[in-house]
Protein backbone atom coordinates (compact mmCIF):
# COMPACT_ATOMS: atom_id res chain seq x y z
CA MET A 1 -6.02 4.05 4.15
CA VAL A 2 -3.19 6.57 3.92
CA ILE A 3 0.37 5.26 3.47
CA ASP A 4 3.10 7.66 4.56
CA ASN A 5 6.80 6.97 3.93
CA PHE A 6 7.64 8.45 7.35
CA ASN A 7 5.50 5.74 8.98
CA THR A 8 6.84 2.78 6.99
CA PHE A 9 8.83 0.02 8.70
CA PHE A 10 9.42 -2.11 5.58
CA ASP A 11 8.85 -1.35 1.90
CA ASN A 12 9.12 -4.54 -0.18
CA GLU A 13 11.95 -5.81 2.03
CA GLN A 14 13.32 -9.15 0.83
CA LEU A 15 12.62 -12.09 3.17
CA ASN A 16 15.39 -14.68 3.46
CA GLY A 17 14.84 -16.55 6.73
CA THR A 18 16.76 -14.08 8.90
CA LYS A 19 15.32 -11.41 11.19
CA LYS A 20 14.99 -8.03 9.52
CA THR A 21 14.82 -4.81 11.52
CA GLY A 22 12.66 -2.08 10.06
CA LYS A 23 13.03 1.68 10.10
CA VAL A 24 12.65 3.44 13.48
CA ILE A 25 9.51 5.59 13.64
CA HIS A 26 9.19 8.51 16.08
CA THR A 27 5.62 8.43 17.37
CA GLY A 28 5.84 10.50 20.54
CA GLU A 29 5.48 9.07 24.02
CA GLY A 30 2.13 7.86 25.29
CA ASP A 31 -0.85 5.86 24.22
CA ALA A 32 -3.44 7.39 21.92
CA ASN A 33 -7.14 7.20 22.68
CA ASN A 34 -7.48 5.68 19.19
CA PRO A 35 -4.30 3.65 18.62
CA LEU A 36 -2.56 3.50 15.27
CA PHE A 37 -2.88 0.45 13.07
CA ILE A 38 -0.01 -1.60 11.73
CA VAL A 39 -0.63 -2.99 8.27
CA ALA A 40 1.56 -5.76 6.84
CA LEU A 41 1.54 -7.55 3.51
CA THR A 42 3.84 -10.21 2.12
CA THR A 43 4.18 -10.95 -1.57
CA ASP A 44 5.17 -14.39 -2.87
CA ALA A 45 6.21 -15.41 0.66
CA SER A 46 7.27 -19.01 1.23
CA ALA A 47 5.45 -19.14 4.60
CA ASP A 48 3.52 -17.14 7.17
CA THR A 49 5.74 -14.98 9.37
CA SER A 50 5.42 -12.51 12.24
CA ILE A 51 6.32 -8.96 13.15
CA THR A 52 7.50 -8.09 16.64
CA ILE A 53 6.88 -4.49 17.72
CA GLU A 54 9.47 -2.91 20.01
CA THR A 55 9.47 0.50 21.67
CA SER A 56 12.14 2.71 23.22
CA LYS A 57 12.56 6.17 24.74
CA THR A 58 15.48 6.85 22.38
CA ALA A 59 15.92 6.49 18.62
CA ASP A 60 19.03 4.33 19.03
CA PHE A 61 17.04 1.69 20.95
CA ALA A 62 19.82 1.43 23.56
CA THR A 63 17.13 -0.05 25.82
CA SER A 64 13.88 -1.34 24.40
CA GLU A 65 10.75 -3.25 25.29
CA GLU A 66 8.77 -5.69 23.19
CA ILE A 67 5.11 -4.64 23.26
CA GLY A 68 3.58 -7.19 20.93
CA THR A 69 3.83 -9.70 18.12
CA ILE A 70 1.58 -9.78 15.08
CA ASP A 71 1.04 -12.91 13.00
CA VAL A 72 1.44 -12.14 9.30
CA LYS A 73 -0.38 -14.57 7.01
CA LYS A 74 1.40 -14.94 3.70
CA ASP A 75 0.08 -13.01 0.72
CA LYS A 76 -2.81 -11.48 2.70
CA LEU A 77 -3.46 -7.99 4.04
CA ASN A 78 -2.82 -8.18 7.81
CA VAL A 79 -4.12 -5.40 10.07
CA ALA A 80 -3.77 -5.01 13.84
CA ARG A 81 -3.86 -2.20 16.37
CA VAL A 82 -0.49 -1.09 17.71
CA PRO A 83 -0.29 -2.41 21.29
CA TYR A 84 -0.32 0.04 24.20
CA GLY A 85 2.99 0.93 25.84
CA ASP A 86 4.61 3.26 23.26
CA LEU A 87 7.64 4.97 24.82
CA GLY A 88 8.15 7.39 21.91
CA TYR A 89 9.85 5.32 19.21
CA LEU A 90 8.68 2.13 17.49
CA ARG A 91 10.44 -0.40 15.31
CA ALA A 92 9.45 -3.74 13.84
CA LYS A 93 11.36 -6.98 13.38
CA THR A 94 10.32 -9.81 11.09
CA GLY A 95 10.19 -13.44 12.08
CA THR A 96 12.39 -16.04 10.39
CA ASN A 97 9.74 -18.40 8.96
CA ALA A 98 9.64 -17.03 5.40
CA THR A 99 12.72 -17.75 3.29
CA SER A 100 11.55 -15.94 0.16
CA GLY A 101 9.20 -13.18 -0.91
CA THR A 102 8.92 -9.58 0.28
CA ILE A 103 7.25 -7.78 3.16
CA SER A 104 5.83 -4.29 3.51
CA ALA A 105 4.62 -2.92 6.86
CA PHE A 106 3.55 0.54 7.97
CA LEU A 107 1.55 2.53 10.51
CA THR A 108 -1.70 4.26 9.58
CA LEU A 109 -4.55 6.04 11.34
CA ASP A 110 -7.29 4.30 9.40
CA ALA A 111 -7.63 0.65 8.45
CA GLU A 112 -10.28 -2.03 8.55
CA LEU A 113 -9.62 -4.92 10.90
CA HIS A 114 -10.10 -8.23 9.09
């Protein structure tokens, strides 16, 4: 699995029970024949959480669409395919369940689904 800083939503972002918005990633419009994977891992999290994936045609997300939600089990490697419907830019938002710990989440071309 290759981890690229340009494809990272969160890098050890502190969880505190509020929604966190990750970095915007420019992916290019359209759906790939082999979709990207999103990989998420929490460390010392107080609870399971979730990541909502949003997409937009513009980097400022003036208008956006939610294309999926991924359940993130605490302290486990979580892998899912990015849902279809990419409009060119993606961003991730955390859920509010976990009040402590950190989260990392990124896109990659290769990952094993668990």
